[in-house]
Amino acid sequence: MYAAVDVIKAVEEMRKIRKSTKKVSKTFSFPNSSGVIEKCIRQLT
């Protein structure tokens, strides 16, 4: 289990990465990772 703060930090980091690497997103993608984090958040809250 992740702490809620750690999950939120991970989401923020992923959002930063996605914004800064939109052009690279095709070669460097996160398949279904956002859905997994959302599930973790739903379980914690």
C-alpha atoms as a PDB file:
ATOM      1  CA  MET A   1       0.000   0.000   0.000  1.00  0.00           C
ATOM      2  CA  TYR A   2       1.113   3.524  -0.780  1.00  0.00           C
ATOM      3  CA  ALA A   3       0.626   6.507   1.455  1.00  0.00           C
ATOM      4  CA  ALA A   4      -1.850   9.001   0.011  1.00  0.00           C
ATOM      5  CA  VAL A   5       0.825  11.709  -0.116  1.00  0.00           C
ATOM      6  CA  ASP A   6       3.157   9.434  -2.071  1.00  0.00           C
ATOM      7  CA  VAL A   7       0.405   8.627  -4.567  1.00  0.00           C
ATOM      8  CA  ILE A   8      -0.399  12.309  -5.041  1.00  0.00           C
ATOM      9  CA  LYS A   9       3.288  13.106  -5.558  1.00  0.00           C
ATOM     10  CA  ALA A  10       3.546  10.319  -8.111  1.00  0.00           C
ATOM     11  CA  VAL A  11       0.513  11.664  -9.985  1.00  0.00           C
ATOM     12  CA  GLU A  12       1.990  15.177 -10.011  1.00  0.00           C
ATOM     13  CA  GLU A  13       5.323  13.872 -11.274  1.00  0.00           C
ATOM     14  CA  MET A  14       3.615  11.900 -14.044  1.00  0.00           C
ATOM     15  CA  ARG A  15       1.631  14.973 -15.074  1.00  0.00           C
ATOM     16  CA  LYS A  16       4.870  17.001 -15.252  1.00  0.00           C
ATOM     17  CA  ILE A  17       6.525  14.269 -17.291  1.00  0.00           C
ATOM     18  CA  ARG A  18       3.582  14.053 -19.678  1.00  0.00           C
ATOM     19  CA  LYS A  19       3.476  17.839 -20.165  1.00  0.00           C
ATOM     20  CA  SER A  20       7.213  18.063 -20.804  1.00  0.00           C
ATOM     21  CA  THR A  21       7.369  15.014 -23.070  1.00  0.00           C
ATOM     22  CA  LYS A  22       4.240  15.203 -25.195  1.00  0.00           C
ATOM     23  CA  LYS A  23       6.373  14.799 -28.314  1.00  0.00           C
ATOM     24  CA  VAL A  24       8.126  11.790 -26.800  1.00  0.00           C
ATOM     25  CA  SER A  25       4.913  10.266 -25.474  1.00  0.00           C
ATOM     26  CA  LYS A  26       4.653   7.944 -28.468  1.00  0.00           C
ATOM     27  CA  THR A  27       7.914   6.200 -27.652  1.00  0.00           C
ATOM     28  CA  PHE A  28       7.775   6.747 -23.875  1.00  0.00           C
ATOM     29  CA  SER A  29       4.207   5.953 -22.839  1.00  0.00           C
ATOM     30  CA  PHE A  30       2.660   4.873 -19.549  1.00  0.00           C
ATOM     31  CA  PRO A  31       0.091   2.212 -20.463  1.00  0.00           C
ATOM     32  CA  ASN A  32      -2.812   2.233 -18.004  1.00  0.00           C
ATOM     33  CA  SER A  33      -0.621   3.667 -15.237  1.00  0.00           C
ATOM     34  CA  SER A  34      -2.945   6.579 -14.532  1.00  0.00           C
ATOM     35  CA  GLY A  35      -5.831   4.148 -14.085  1.00  0.00           C
ATOM     36  CA  VAL A  36      -3.811   2.135 -11.581  1.00  0.00           C
ATOM     37  CA  ILE A  37      -3.009   5.259  -9.559  1.00  0.00           C
ATOM     38  CA  GLU A  38      -6.655   6.309  -9.653  1.00  0.00           C
ATOM     39  CA  LYS A  39      -7.647   2.917  -8.267  1.00  0.00           C
ATOM     40  CA  CYS A  40      -5.109   3.312  -5.449  1.00  0.00           C
ATOM     41  CA  ILE A  41      -6.494   6.749  -4.615  1.00  0.00           C
ATOM     42  CA  ARG A  42     -10.057   5.417  -4.592  1.00  0.00           C
ATOM     43  CA  GLN A  43      -9.050   2.647  -2.199  1.00  0.00           C
ATOM     44  CA  LEU A  44      -7.327   5.126   0.127  1.00  0.00           C
ATOM     45  CA  THR A  45     -10.094   7.732   0.162  1.00  0.00           C
END
